[in-house]
Protein backbone atom coordinates (compact mmCIF):
# COMPACT_ATOMS: atom_id res chain seq x y z
CA UNK A 1 -1.41 -27.06 -30.20
CA UNK A 2 -1.43 -25.40 -33.61
CA UNK A 3 -5.02 -24.32 -32.96
CA UNK A 4 -4.12 -22.87 -29.56
CA UNK A 5 -0.95 -21.01 -30.59
CA UNK A 6 -2.69 -18.15 -32.50
CA UNK A 7 -4.79 -17.38 -29.42
CA UNK A 8 -1.68 -17.30 -27.24
CA UNK A 9 -0.10 -14.97 -29.79
CA UNK A 10 -3.10 -12.66 -29.39
CA UNK A 11 -2.64 -12.61 -25.61
CA UNK A 12 1.10 -11.84 -25.65
CA UNK A 13 1.89 -13.96 -22.56
CA UNK A 14 5.13 -12.13 -21.70
CA UNK A 15 3.14 -8.90 -21.31
CA UNK A 16 0.59 -10.56 -19.03
CA UNK A 17 3.40 -11.53 -16.67
CA UNK A 18 4.30 -7.85 -16.36
CA UNK A 19 0.67 -7.09 -15.49
CA UNK A 20 0.77 -9.63 -12.66
CA UNK A 21 3.86 -7.87 -11.32
CA UNK A 22 1.80 -4.63 -11.15
CA UNK A 23 -0.65 -6.26 -8.75
CA UNK A 24 2.13 -7.72 -6.61
CA UNK A 25 3.82 -4.32 -6.42
CA UNK A 26 0.49 -2.72 -5.52
CA UNK A 27 0.08 -5.17 -2.65
CA UNK A 28 3.59 -4.34 -1.42
CA UNK A 29 2.86 -0.61 -1.55
CA UNK A 30 -0.44 -1.09 0.27
CA UNK A 31 1.28 -3.07 3.03
CA UNK A 32 3.43 -0.05 3.91
CA UNK A 33 0.34 1.54 5.47
CA UNK A 34 -1.60 -1.42 6.85
CA UNK A 35 -1.26 -5.12 7.39
CA UNK A 36 -3.40 -6.99 4.91
CA UNK A 37 -6.23 -9.06 6.39
CA UNK A 38 -6.26 -12.81 6.87
CA UNK A 39 -7.95 -13.35 3.51
CA UNK A 40 -5.26 -11.60 1.50
CA UNK A 41 -4.04 -14.79 -0.22
CA UNK A 42 -7.46 -15.40 -1.76
CA UNK A 43 -7.88 -11.73 -2.68
CA UNK A 44 -4.39 -11.60 -4.18
CA UNK A 45 -5.14 -14.64 -6.32
CA UNK A 46 -8.37 -13.01 -7.48
CA UNK A 47 -6.55 -9.76 -8.31
CA UNK A 48 -3.98 -11.69 -10.33
CA UNK A 49 -6.83 -13.37 -12.21
CA UNK A 50 -8.39 -9.95 -12.69
CA UNK A 51 -5.28 -8.41 -14.20
CA UNK A 52 -4.80 -11.43 -16.50
CA UNK A 53 -8.35 -10.96 -17.73
CA UNK A 54 -8.12 -7.19 -18.09
CA UNK A 55 -4.74 -7.12 -19.80
CA UNK A 56 -5.57 -10.14 -21.94
CA UNK A 57 -8.85 -8.59 -23.07
CA UNK A 58 -7.22 -5.26 -23.81
CA UNK A 59 -4.43 -6.73 -25.88
CA UNK A 60 -6.82 -8.96 -27.87
CA UNK A 61 -9.08 -6.03 -28.70
CA UNK A 62 -5.97 -4.13 -29.79
CA UNK A 63 -5.64 -6.63 -32.62
CA UNK A 64 -9.39 -6.68 -33.27
CA UNK A 65 -9.51 -2.94 -33.91
CA UNK A 66 -6.20 -3.01 -35.83
CA UNK A 67 -7.25 -5.87 -38.13
CA UNK A 68 -7.45 -3.70 -41.25
CA UNK A 69 -4.16 -1.91 -40.56
CA UNK A 70 -2.37 -5.16 -39.73
CA UNK A 71 -3.29 -6.61 -43.12
CA UNK A 72 -0.87 -4.07 -44.56
CA UNK A 73 1.69 -3.59 -41.79
CA UNK A 74 1.75 -6.89 -39.84
CA UNK A 75 0.17 -9.62 -41.99
CA UNK A 76 1.80 -12.35 -39.87
CA UNK A 77 -0.46 -11.59 -36.88
CA UNK A 78 -3.23 -14.14 -36.08
CA UNK A 79 -6.18 -12.12 -37.43
CA UNK A 80 -4.81 -10.83 -40.76
CA UNK A 81 -3.18 -14.23 -41.41
CA UNK A 82 -6.62 -15.84 -41.13
CA UNK A 83 -5.72 -18.10 -38.19
CA UNK A 84 -8.29 -16.33 -35.98
CA UNK A 85 -11.36 -14.50 -37.27
CA UNK A 86 -12.40 -11.08 -36.02
CA UNK A 87 -15.52 -12.66 -34.50
CA UNK A 88 -13.51 -15.33 -32.69
CA UNK A 89 -11.05 -12.75 -31.39
CA UNK A 90 -13.91 -10.52 -30.19
CA UNK A 91 -15.46 -13.39 -28.23
CA UNK A 92 -12.03 -14.34 -26.88
CA UNK A 93 -11.29 -10.79 -25.71
CA UNK A 94 -14.78 -10.41 -24.23
CA UNK A 95 -14.29 -13.60 -22.21
CA UNK A 96 -11.09 -12.22 -20.69
CA UNK A 97 -12.66 -8.85 -19.90
CA UNK A 98 -15.56 -10.62 -18.18
CA UNK A 99 -13.15 -12.78 -16.20
CA UNK A 100 -11.23 -9.69 -15.11
CA UNK A 101 -14.32 -7.79 -13.99
CA UNK A 102 -15.83 -10.71 -12.07
CA UNK A 103 -12.57 -11.49 -10.27
CA UNK A 104 -12.03 -7.85 -9.30
CA UNK A 105 -15.57 -7.33 -7.97
CA UNK A 106 -15.20 -10.50 -5.90
CA UNK A 107 -12.39 -8.74 -3.99
CA UNK A 108 -14.23 -5.48 -3.28
CA UNK A 109 -16.15 -2.68 -4.98
CA UNK A 110 -13.04 -0.49 -5.25
CA UNK A 111 -11.12 -3.14 -7.17
CA UNK A 112 -14.16 -3.77 -9.36
CA UNK A 113 -14.54 -0.09 -10.15
CA UNK A 114 -10.87 0.15 -11.13
CA UNK A 115 -11.29 -2.91 -13.34
CA UNK A 116 -14.31 -1.35 -15.03
CA UNK A 117 -12.30 1.82 -15.68
CA UNK A 118 -9.52 -0.26 -17.25
CA UNK A 119 -11.97 -2.02 -19.58
CA UNK A 120 -13.52 1.26 -20.72
CA UNK A 121 -10.15 2.98 -21.10
CA UNK A 122 -8.66 0.03 -23.01
CA UNK A 123 -11.55 -0.06 -25.47
CA UNK A 124 -11.43 3.72 -25.86
CA UNK A 125 -7.70 3.54 -26.53
CA UNK A 126 -7.92 0.68 -29.01
CA UNK A 127 -10.84 2.15 -30.93
CA UNK A 128 -9.93 5.84 -31.08
CA UNK A 129 -7.31 7.29 -28.73
CA UNK A 130 -4.46 5.15 -30.09
CA UNK A 131 -4.27 7.33 -33.17
CA UNK A 132 -4.18 10.62 -31.25
CA UNK A 133 -0.78 12.23 -30.66
CA UNK A 134 -1.10 13.16 -26.98
CA UNK A 135 -4.22 11.56 -25.55
CA UNK A 136 -3.31 8.10 -26.87
CA UNK A 137 -0.15 7.60 -24.78
CA UNK A 138 -1.90 9.19 -21.79
CA UNK A 139 -4.85 6.77 -21.93
CA UNK A 140 -2.51 3.80 -22.35
CA UNK A 141 -0.50 5.01 -19.38
CA UNK A 142 -3.63 5.43 -17.28
CA UNK A 143 -4.55 1.80 -17.96
CA UNK A 144 -1.23 0.72 -16.50
CA UNK A 145 -1.42 3.12 -13.60
CA UNK A 146 -4.87 1.74 -12.78
CA UNK A 147 -3.41 -1.76 -12.87
CA UNK A 148 -1.04 -0.80 -10.04
CA UNK A 149 -4.02 0.66 -8.16
CA UNK A 150 -5.72 -2.72 -8.56
CA UNK A 151 -3.10 -4.20 -6.25
CA UNK A 152 -3.30 -1.31 -3.79
CA UNK A 153 -7.09 -1.78 -3.70
CA UNK A 154 -6.64 -4.95 -1.64
CA UNK A 155 -6.97 -2.41 1.21
CA UNK A 156 -9.42 0.15 -0.27
CA UNK A 157 -8.66 3.12 2.07
CA UNK A 158 -5.05 3.07 0.87
CA UNK A 159 -6.15 4.18 -2.59
CA UNK A 160 -6.68 7.68 -1.20
CA UNK A 161 -3.47 7.61 0.83
CA UNK A 162 -0.99 6.48 -1.85
CA UNK A 163 -3.01 6.40 -5.06
CA UNK A 164 -0.89 9.26 -6.42
CA UNK A 165 1.89 6.69 -6.99
CA UNK A 166 0.00 5.56 -10.11
CA UNK A 167 1.37 8.68 -11.84
CA UNK A 168 4.76 6.94 -12.12
CA UNK A 169 3.72 3.89 -14.20
CA UNK A 170 1.33 6.13 -16.15
CA UNK A 171 4.23 8.29 -17.35
CA UNK A 172 6.48 5.29 -17.89
CA UNK A 173 3.98 3.53 -20.15
CA UNK A 174 3.04 6.76 -21.93
CA UNK A 175 6.68 7.17 -22.96
CA UNK A 176 6.87 3.56 -24.21
CA UNK A 177 3.66 4.10 -26.17
CA UNK A 178 5.21 7.12 -27.90
CA UNK A 179 8.28 5.08 -28.84
CA UNK A 180 6.11 2.22 -30.12
CA UNK A 181 4.77 4.43 -32.90
CA UNK A 182 8.09 3.99 -34.64
CA UNK A 183 7.96 0.17 -34.73
CA UNK A 184 6.72 -0.02 -38.32
CA UNK A 185 8.03 3.04 -40.15
CA UNK A 186 10.65 4.30 -37.73
CA UNK A 187 10.38 6.86 -34.95
CA UNK A 188 11.72 10.26 -34.01
CA UNK A 189 14.92 11.01 -32.15
CA UNK A 190 13.19 13.77 -30.17
CA UNK A 191 10.60 11.32 -28.79
CA UNK A 192 13.35 8.98 -27.62
CA UNK A 193 15.07 11.85 -25.81
CA UNK A 194 11.81 12.80 -24.09
CA UNK A 195 11.30 9.16 -23.10
CA UNK A 196 14.80 9.07 -21.61
CA UNK A 197 13.91 12.08 -19.48
CA UNK A 198 10.66 10.47 -18.31
CA UNK A 199 12.53 7.28 -17.43
CA UNK A 200 14.90 9.37 -15.30
CA UNK A 201 11.91 10.91 -13.47
CA UNK A 202 10.46 7.44 -12.84
CA UNK A 203 13.74 6.16 -11.41
CA UNK A 204 14.08 9.23 -9.19
CA UNK A 205 10.50 8.93 -7.90
CA UNK A 206 10.99 5.31 -6.83
CA UNK A 207 14.35 6.14 -5.25
CA UNK A 208 12.72 8.96 -3.28
CA UNK A 209 9.97 6.64 -2.06
CA UNK A 210 12.59 4.05 -1.05
CA UNK A 211 14.62 6.71 0.79
CA UNK A 212 11.52 7.80 2.71
CA UNK A 213 10.89 4.19 3.79
CA UNK A 214 14.59 3.52 4.54
CA UNK A 215 15.13 0.90 1.84
CA UNK A 216 17.09 2.97 -0.69
CA UNK A 217 20.26 0.83 -0.73
CA UNK A 218 18.33 -2.35 -1.56
CA UNK A 219 16.11 -0.60 -4.08
CA UNK A 220 19.08 0.83 -5.97
CA UNK A 221 19.98 -2.71 -7.03
CA UNK A 222 16.62 -3.04 -8.80
CA UNK A 223 16.87 0.42 -10.33
CA UNK A 224 20.37 -0.19 -11.68
CA UNK A 225 19.18 -3.41 -13.34
CA UNK A 226 16.24 -1.51 -14.80
CA UNK A 227 18.52 1.19 -16.19
CA UNK A 228 20.77 -1.45 -17.72
CA UNK A 229 17.77 -2.97 -19.47
CA UNK A 230 15.89 0.07 -20.78
CA UNK A 231 18.52 2.70 -21.56
CA UNK A 232 20.87 0.94 -24.05
CA UNK A 233 18.13 0.20 -26.62
CA UNK A 234 16.66 3.66 -26.09
CA UNK A 235 20.03 5.24 -26.81
CA UNK A 236 20.15 3.21 -30.02
CA UNK A 237 16.90 4.90 -31.05
CA UNK A 238 18.49 8.28 -30.36
CA UNK A 239 21.37 7.33 -32.67
CA UNK A 240 19.18 5.72 -35.32
CA UNK A 241 15.41 5.82 -34.93
CA UNK A 242 14.61 3.05 -37.40
CA UNK A 243 11.82 0.52 -36.88
CA UNK A 244 14.12 -2.24 -35.62
CA UNK A 245 15.68 -0.11 -32.90
CA UNK A 246 12.30 1.26 -31.88
CA UNK A 247 10.94 -2.27 -31.53
CA UNK A 248 13.85 -3.29 -29.30
CA UNK A 249 13.36 -0.23 -27.09
CA UNK A 250 9.65 -0.99 -26.70
CA UNK A 251 10.30 -4.63 -25.84
CA UNK A 252 12.89 -3.67 -23.22
CA UNK A 253 10.56 -1.07 -21.75
CA UNK A 254 7.67 -3.52 -21.43
CA UNK A 255 9.72 -6.31 -19.84
CA UNK A 256 11.40 -3.66 -17.69
CA UNK A 257 8.05 -3.20 -15.96
CA UNK A 258 8.87 -6.29 -13.92
CA UNK A 259 12.05 -4.66 -12.60
CA UNK A 260 10.12 -1.43 -12.05
CA UNK A 261 7.62 -3.31 -9.92
CA UNK A 262 10.35 -5.21 -8.12
CA UNK A 263 11.80 -1.82 -7.20
CA UNK A 264 8.41 -0.70 -5.81
CA UNK A 265 8.20 -3.87 -3.73
CA UNK A 266 11.75 -3.48 -2.45
CA UNK A 267 11.16 0.20 -1.66
CA UNK A 268 8.17 -0.95 0.40
CA UNK A 269 10.34 -3.36 2.38
CA UNK A 270 8.56 -6.45 1.07
CA UNK A 271 11.44 -8.82 0.34
CA UNK A 272 9.19 -11.83 -0.31
CA UNK A 273 7.11 -10.03 -2.94
CA UNK A 274 10.28 -8.62 -4.47
CA UNK A 275 11.59 -12.16 -4.88
CA UNK A 276 8.34 -13.38 -6.42
CA UNK A 277 8.33 -10.48 -8.90
CA UNK A 278 11.95 -11.20 -9.83
CA UNK A 279 10.97 -14.77 -10.66
CA UNK A 280 8.62 -13.39 -13.31
CA UNK A 281 11.55 -11.78 -15.17
CA UNK A 282 13.18 -14.93 -16.61
CA UNK A 283 9.71 -16.29 -17.37
CA UNK A 284 8.90 -13.13 -19.30
CA UNK A 285 12.20 -13.25 -21.22
CA UNK A 286 11.66 -16.91 -22.14
CA UNK A 287 8.06 -16.33 -23.17
CA UNK A 288 9.06 -13.32 -25.26
CA UNK A 289 11.27 -15.63 -27.35
CA UNK A 290 8.21 -17.52 -28.57
CA UNK A 291 5.49 -14.86 -28.55
CA UNK A 292 5.79 -11.26 -29.71
CA UNK A 293 5.70 -8.56 -27.03
CA UNK A 294 4.32 -5.86 -29.36
């Protein structure tokens, strides 16, 4: 188990659960336009495998490219601590990327193309864009937006019909990425205020979608829970933008993705998928106690 634990730390299991919720929410959104075909269970399983591979690969390569920085800032991580070598981590991340691509292409070409975009964007972000003020958060957000599209791609024509919805998680994750820059040395109050405004836009967009599909009352429950999770730690950053508060805000924002996706599913009228997504929340909280989220 001691040999396995560093690799699990690289994967950040709690985060992977949030990625699975993206695919489930995408399926729910897609079902508002068409009934999924008789093979949807198999395709959904493949898409969940795909997002595990894509997110797992991306997060592992994050640590691969940050190995030198982490020796100074986060020496407890698996690579700088010597528990996993850069070569081993590279092979590990490559395996997950390959798994993600193969699983996605087994569903359809659209899903495979989205998966390929995520791999390229994740590597681009980890290698270069991460250190850029504006393009970094945007690229990270696009990776997450594409992950939602992965679920919608279970019915490829729906990508053109409702693909614009990916703007919402893109902005949400971009704001979290901005906040995350204060996890080591502290952040900026102004960035937290901007993030609060973006969160408000995200909540309003989902509420509007729910109103259009006549499920606003039910969806408000999810949105209120999401607000209760993400806003208190963010307000702490506004009051004091130190590294500890920034870290808490980032953790809440990442785990809050499950509630965000539950809201999408509820707004789509998919009560079963909403319930399944909600089940991921306690799992994510429990996993986050043992493995770092950021």
